[in-house]
PDB file of N, CA and C in Angstrom:
ATOM      1  N   MET A   1      95.459 114.519 100.834  1.00  0.00           N
ATOM      2  CA  MET A   1      94.609 114.208 101.955  1.00  0.00           C
ATOM      3  C   MET A   1      94.094 115.499 102.553  1.00  0.00           C
ATOM      4  N   ARG A   2      92.893 115.476 102.931  1.00  0.00           N
ATOM      5  CA  ARG A   2      92.292 116.700 103.441  1.00  0.00           C
ATOM      6  C   ARG A   2      92.678 116.995 104.878  1.00  0.00           C
ATOM      7  N   ALA A   3      93.142 115.971 105.590  1.00  0.00           N
ATOM      8  CA  ALA A   3      93.589 116.163 106.969  1.00  0.00           C
ATOM      9  C   ALA A   3      94.880 115.377 107.177  1.00  0.00           C
ATOM     10  N   ALA A   4      95.710 115.849 108.092  1.00  0.00           N
ATOM     11  CA  ALA A   4      96.957 115.150 108.384  1.00  0.00           C
ATOM     12  C   ALA A   4      96.660 113.791 109.000  1.00  0.00           C
ATOM     13  N   GLY A   5      97.563 112.832 108.801  1.00  0.00           N
ATOM     14  CA  GLY A   5      97.389 111.521 109.405  1.00  0.00           C
ATOM     15  C   GLY A   5      98.192 110.454 108.692  1.00  0.00           C
ATOM     16  N   ARG A   6      98.133 109.246 109.229  1.00  0.00           N
ATOM     17  CA  ARG A   6      98.852 108.108 108.673  1.00  0.00           C
ATOM     18  C   ARG A   6      98.064 107.522 107.499  1.00  0.00           C
ATOM     19  N   ALA A   7      98.762 107.315 106.378  1.00  0.00           N
ATOM     20  CA  ALA A   7      98.144 106.729 105.189  1.00  0.00           C
ATOM     21  C   ALA A   7      98.864 105.421 104.862  1.00  0.00           C
ATOM     22  N   ILE A   8      98.093 104.424 104.432  1.00  0.00           N
ATOM     23  CA  ILE A   8      98.640 103.136 104.038  1.00  0.00           C
ATOM     24  C   ILE A   8      98.035 102.766 102.683  1.00  0.00           C
ATOM     25  N   ILE A   9      98.888 102.439 101.725  1.00  0.00           N
ATOM     26  CA  ILE A   9      98.439 101.972 100.413  1.00  0.00           C
ATOM     27  C   ILE A   9      99.176 100.672 100.120  1.00  0.00           C
ATOM     28  N   LYS A  10      98.408  99.601  99.887  1.00  0.00           N
ATOM     29  CA  LYS A  10      98.984  98.291  99.600  1.00  0.00           C
ATOM     30  C   LYS A  10      98.405  97.749  98.302  1.00  0.00           C
ATOM     31  N   VAL A  11      99.225  96.938  97.602  1.00  0.00           N
ATOM     32  CA  VAL A  11      98.819  96.310  96.344  1.00  0.00           C
ATOM     33  C   VAL A  11      98.740  94.807  96.580  1.00  0.00           C
ATOM     34  N   PHE A  12      97.664  94.184  96.048  1.00  0.00           N
ATOM     35  CA  PHE A  12      97.422  92.756  96.212  1.00  0.00           C
ATOM     36  C   PHE A  12      97.226  92.112  94.850  1.00  0.00           C
ATOM     37  N   ASP A  13      97.626  90.830  94.735  1.00  0.00           N
ATOM     38  CA  ASP A  13      97.361  90.107  93.500  1.00  0.00           C
ATOM     39  C   ASP A  13      95.928  89.574  93.511  1.00  0.00           C
ATOM     40  N   ILE A  14      95.541  88.876  92.461  1.00  0.00           N
ATOM     41  CA  ILE A  14      94.154  88.432  92.273  1.00  0.00           C
ATOM     42  C   ILE A  14      93.690  87.459  93.351  1.00  0.00           C
ATOM     43  N   ILE A  15      94.623  86.724  93.978  1.00  0.00           N
ATOM     44  CA  ILE A  15      94.212  85.781  95.023  1.00  0.00           C
ATOM     45  C   ILE A  15      94.375  86.353  96.433  1.00  0.00           C
ATOM     46  N   GLY A  16      94.721  87.627  96.523  1.00  0.00           N
ATOM     47  CA  GLY A  16      94.750  88.297  97.815  1.00  0.00           C
ATOM     48  C   GLY A  16      96.094  88.367  98.497  1.00  0.00           C
ATOM     49  N   ASN A  17      97.164  87.905  97.844  1.00  0.00           N
ATOM     50  CA  ASN A  17      98.500  88.022  98.426  1.00  0.00           C
ATOM     51  C   ASN A  17      98.997  89.457  98.311  1.00  0.00           C
ATOM     52  N   GLU A  18      99.567  89.978  99.392  1.00  0.00           N
ATOM     53  CA  GLU A  18     100.120  91.327  99.342  1.00  0.00           C
ATOM     54  C   GLU A  18     101.368  91.316  98.472  1.00  0.00           C
ATOM     55  N   VAL A  19     101.390  92.185  97.466  1.00  0.00           N
ATOM     56  CA  VAL A  19     102.493  92.261  96.523  1.00  0.00           C
ATOM     57  C   VAL A  19     103.471  93.353  96.927  1.00  0.00           C
ATOM     58  N   GLU A  20     102.949  94.479  97.376  1.00  0.00           N
ATOM     59  CA  GLU A  20     103.799  95.616  97.712  1.00  0.00           C
ATOM     60  C   GLU A  20     103.060  96.584  98.624  1.00  0.00           C
ATOM     61  N   THR A  21     103.803  97.206  99.528  1.00  0.00           N
ATOM     62  CA  THR A  21     103.282  98.313 100.316  1.00  0.00           C
ATOM     63  C   THR A  21     103.870  99.585  99.721  1.00  0.00           C
ATOM     64  N   LEU A  22     103.019 100.406  99.132  1.00  0.00           N
ATOM     65  CA  LEU A  22     103.485 101.631  98.478  1.00  0.00           C
ATOM     66  C   LEU A  22     103.751 102.729  99.488  1.00  0.00           C
ATOM     67  N   VAL A  23     102.875 102.834 100.496  1.00  0.00           N
ATOM     68  CA  VAL A  23     102.972 103.907 101.482  1.00  0.00           C
ATOM     69  C   VAL A  23     102.542 103.371 102.833  1.00  0.00           C
ATOM     70  N   ASP A  24     103.275 103.769 103.862  1.00  0.00           N
ATOM     71  CA  ASP A  24     102.879 103.502 105.249  1.00  0.00           C
ATOM     72  C   ASP A  24     103.576 104.539 106.111  1.00  0.00           C
ATOM     73  N   LYS A  25     103.038 105.771 106.076  1.00  0.00           N
ATOM     74  CA  LYS A  25     103.672 106.858 106.814  1.00  0.00           C
ATOM     75  C   LYS A  25     102.685 107.995 107.084  1.00  0.00           C
ATOM     76  N   GLU A  26     103.126 108.921 107.907  1.00  0.00           N
ATOM     77  CA  GLU A  26     102.344 110.113 108.234  1.00  0.00           C
ATOM     78  C   GLU A  26     102.473 111.133 107.112  1.00  0.00           C
ATOM     79  N   PHE A  27     101.362 111.795 106.791  1.00  0.00           N
ATOM     80  CA  PHE A  27     101.357 112.844 105.787  1.00  0.00           C
ATOM     81  C   PHE A  27     100.728 114.100 106.382  1.00  0.00           C
ATOM     82  N   PRO A  28     101.228 115.275 105.979  1.00  0.00           N
ATOM     83  CA  PRO A  28     100.541 116.506 106.354  1.00  0.00           C
ATOM     84  C   PRO A  28      99.275 116.648 105.500  1.00  0.00           C
ATOM     85  N   ALA A  29      98.397 117.539 105.889  1.00  0.00           N
ATOM     86  CA  ALA A  29      97.188 117.788 105.101  1.00  0.00           C
ATOM     87  C   ALA A  29      97.586 118.280 103.716  1.00  0.00           C
ATOM     88  N   GLY A  30      96.790 117.936 102.713  1.00  0.00           N
ATOM     89  CA  GLY A  30      97.060 118.388 101.357  1.00  0.00           C
ATOM     90  C   GLY A  30      96.937 117.266 100.349  1.00  0.00           C
ATOM     91  N   VAL A  31      97.325 117.545  99.124  1.00  0.00           N
ATOM     92  CA  VAL A  31      97.274 116.581  98.030  1.00  0.00           C
ATOM     93  C   VAL A  31      98.669 116.000  97.843  1.00  0.00           C
ATOM     94  N   HIS A  32      98.748 114.684  97.679  1.00  0.00           N
ATOM     95  CA  HIS A  32     100.039 114.006  97.551  1.00  0.00           C
ATOM     96  C   HIS A  32     100.003 113.061  96.355  1.00  0.00           C
ATOM     97  N   GLU A  33     101.169 112.800  95.794  1.00  0.00           N
ATOM     98  CA  GLU A  33     101.290 111.912  94.644  1.00  0.00           C
ATOM     99  C   GLU A  33     102.259 110.790  94.987  1.00  0.00           C
ATOM    100  N   ILE A  34     101.870 109.558  94.656  1.00  0.00           N
ATOM    101  CA  ILE A  34     102.692 108.385  94.907  1.00  0.00           C
ATOM    102  C   ILE A  34     102.965 107.713  93.564  1.00  0.00           C
ATOM    103  N   LYS A  35     104.210 107.379  93.286  1.00  0.00           N
ATOM    104  CA  LYS A  35     104.556 106.684  92.043  1.00  0.00           C
ATOM    105  C   LYS A  35     104.651 105.191  92.321  1.00  0.00           C
ATOM    106  N   PHE A  36     104.096 104.398  91.420  1.00  0.00           N
ATOM    107  CA  PHE A  36     104.064 102.947  91.544  1.00  0.00           C
ATOM    108  C   PHE A  36     104.882 102.342  90.419  1.00  0.00           C
ATOM    109  N   ASP A  37     106.011 101.724  90.774  1.00  0.00           N
ATOM    110  CA  ASP A  37     106.876 101.072  89.782  1.00  0.00           C
ATOM    111  C   ASP A  37     106.508  99.594  89.744  1.00  0.00           C
ATOM    112  N   ALA A  38     105.816  99.182  88.705  1.00  0.00           N
ATOM    113  CA  ALA A  38     105.332  97.808  88.578  1.00  0.00           C
ATOM    114  C   ALA A  38     106.256  96.962  87.708  1.00  0.00           C
ATOM    115  N   ALA A  39     107.530  97.338  87.614  1.00  0.00           N
ATOM    116  CA  ALA A  39     108.472  96.623  86.751  1.00  0.00           C
ATOM    117  C   ALA A  39     108.615  95.157  87.150  1.00  0.00           C
ATOM    118  N   GLY A  40     108.488  94.838  88.418  1.00  0.00           N
ATOM    119  CA  GLY A  40     108.659  93.471  88.881  1.00  0.00           C
ATOM    120  C   GLY A  40     107.395  92.631  88.837  1.00  0.00           C
ATOM    121  N   LEU A  41     106.309  93.197  88.356  1.00  0.00           N
ATOM    122  CA  LEU A  41     105.033  92.480  88.309  1.00  0.00           C
ATOM    123  C   LEU A  41     104.690  92.085  86.879  1.00  0.00           C
ATOM    124  N   SER A  42     103.946  91.022  86.749  1.00  0.00           N
ATOM    125  CA  SER A  42     103.490  90.605  85.420  1.00  0.00           C
ATOM    126  C   SER A  42     102.136  91.243  85.123  1.00  0.00           C
ATOM    127  N   SER A  43     101.755  91.244  83.866  1.00  0.00           N
ATOM    128  CA  SER A  43     100.456  91.778  83.473  1.00  0.00           C
ATOM    129  C   SER A  43      99.353  90.999  84.173  1.00  0.00           C
ATOM    130  N   GLY A  44      98.285  91.672  84.501  1.00  0.00           N
ATOM    131  CA  GLY A  44      97.160  91.002  85.135  1.00  0.00           C
ATOM    132  C   GLY A  44      96.319  91.957  85.956  1.00  0.00           C
ATOM    133  N   ILE A  45      95.413  91.386  86.726  1.00  0.00           N
ATOM    134  CA  ILE A  45      94.515  92.166  87.583  1.00  0.00           C
ATOM    135  C   ILE A  45      95.094  92.208  88.985  1.00  0.00           C
ATOM    136  N   TYR A  46      95.121  93.401  89.548  1.00  0.00           N
ATOM    137  CA  TYR A  46      95.598  93.630  90.905  1.00  0.00           C
ATOM    138  C   TYR A  46      94.572  94.489  91.633  1.00  0.00           C
ATOM    139  N   PHE A  47      94.671  94.525  92.932  1.00  0.00           N
ATOM    140  CA  PHE A  47      93.827  95.377  93.754  1.00  0.00           C
ATOM    141  C   PHE A  47      94.729  96.258  94.598  1.00  0.00           C
ATOM    142  N   TYR A  48      94.270  97.468  94.883  1.00  0.00           N
ATOM    143  CA  TYR A  48      94.993  98.316  95.822  1.00  0.00           C
ATOM    144  C   TYR A  48      94.022  98.775  96.898  1.00  0.00           C
ATOM    145  N   ARG A  49      94.531  98.849  98.116  1.00  0.00           N
ATOM    146  CA  ARG A  49      93.723  99.281  99.255  1.00  0.00           C
ATOM    147  C   ARG A  49      94.372 100.510  99.864  1.00  0.00           C
ATOM    148  N   MET A  50      93.560 101.542 100.063  1.00  0.00           N
ATOM    149  CA  MET A  50      94.021 102.772 100.692  1.00  0.00           C
ATOM    150  C   MET A  50      93.305 102.929 102.025  1.00  0.00           C
ATOM    151  N   ASN A  51      94.074 103.154 103.092  1.00  0.00           N
ATOM    152  CA  ASN A  51      93.530 103.362 104.431  1.00  0.00           C
ATOM    153  C   ASN A  51      94.086 104.658 105.004  1.00  0.00           C
ATOM    154  N   LYS A  52      93.204 105.425 105.611  1.00  0.00           N
ATOM    155  CA  LYS A  52      93.616 106.603 106.352  1.00  0.00           C
ATOM    156  C   LYS A  52      92.570 106.848 107.430  1.00  0.00           C
ATOM    157  N   GLY A  53      92.969 106.621 108.664  1.00  0.00           N
ATOM    158  CA  GLY A  53      92.023 106.767 109.762  1.00  0.00           C
ATOM    159  C   GLY A  53      90.889 105.772 109.600  1.00  0.00           C
ATOM    160  N   SER A  54      89.662 106.245 109.639  1.00  0.00           N
ATOM    161  CA  SER A  54      88.499 105.369 109.491  1.00  0.00           C
ATOM    162  C   SER A  54      88.116 105.161 108.022  1.00  0.00           C
ATOM    163  N   PHE A  55      88.783 105.869 107.113  1.00  0.00           N
ATOM    164  CA  PHE A  55      88.504 105.743 105.675  1.00  0.00           C
ATOM    165  C   PHE A  55      89.281 104.565 105.098  1.00  0.00           C
ATOM    166  N   SER A  56      88.607 103.724 104.336  1.00  0.00           N
ATOM    167  CA  SER A  56      89.258 102.608 103.649  1.00  0.00           C
ATOM    168  C   SER A  56      88.539 102.362 102.337  1.00  0.00           C
ATOM    169  N   VAL A  57      89.318 102.166 101.267  1.00  0.00           N
ATOM    170  CA  VAL A  57      88.730 101.877  99.967  1.00  0.00           C
ATOM    171  C   VAL A  57      89.634 100.876  99.238  1.00  0.00           C
ATOM    172  N   THR A  58      89.012  99.933  98.535  1.00  0.00           N
ATOM    173  CA  THR A  58      89.738  98.960  97.728  1.00  0.00           C
ATOM    174  C   THR A  58      89.251  99.085  96.292  1.00  0.00           C
ATOM    175  N   ARG A  59      90.198  99.150  95.364  1.00  0.00           N
ATOM    176  CA  ARG A  59      89.870  99.294  93.953  1.00  0.00           C
ATOM    177  C   ARG A  59      90.654  98.275  93.138  1.00  0.00           C
ATOM    178  N   LYS A  60      90.120  97.952  91.967  1.00  0.00           N
ATOM    179  CA  LYS A  60      90.751  97.009  91.051  1.00  0.00           C
ATOM    180  C   LYS A  60      91.544  97.799  90.017  1.00  0.00           C
ATOM    181  N   MET A  61      92.701  97.247  89.591  1.00  0.00           N
ATOM    182  CA  MET A  61      93.463  97.865  88.522  1.00  0.00           C
ATOM    183  C   MET A  61      93.974  96.786  87.583  1.00  0.00           C
ATOM    184  N   LEU A  62      94.125  97.134  86.337  1.00  0.00           N
ATOM    185  CA  LEU A  62      94.607  96.229  85.303  1.00  0.00           C
ATOM    186  C   LEU A  62      95.990  96.694  84.894  1.00  0.00           C
ATOM    187  N   LEU A  63      96.976  95.821  85.040  1.00  0.00           N
ATOM    188  CA  LEU A  63      98.339  96.132  84.651  1.00  0.00           C
ATOM    189  C   LEU A  63      98.624  95.473  83.309  1.00  0.00           C
ATOM    190  N   ILE A  64      98.952  96.295  82.308  1.00  0.00           N
ATOM    191  CA  ILE A  64      99.252  95.814  80.964  1.00  0.00           C
ATOM    192  C   ILE A  64     100.661  96.235  80.616  1.00  0.00           C
ATOM    193  N   LYS A  65     101.475  95.268  80.247  1.00  0.00           N
ATOM    194  CA  LYS A  65     102.866  95.573  79.872  1.00  0.00           C
ATOM    195  C   LYS A  65     103.062  95.370  78.391  1.00  0.00           C
TER     196      LYS A  65
END
């Protein structure tokens, strides 16, 4: 992150149910790495949403096991 602040990353299934919250905490400025363990999920299409301050982005991901 280019500036310090609270970051939230959540994963949703195809119908919009929240599956997991990966991150919900304060981070210092800089680049950070988050590991996602999808062992409890089945193959399919998921969405993840990243929020930090006024920035928000939602992206699609394909999980293949």
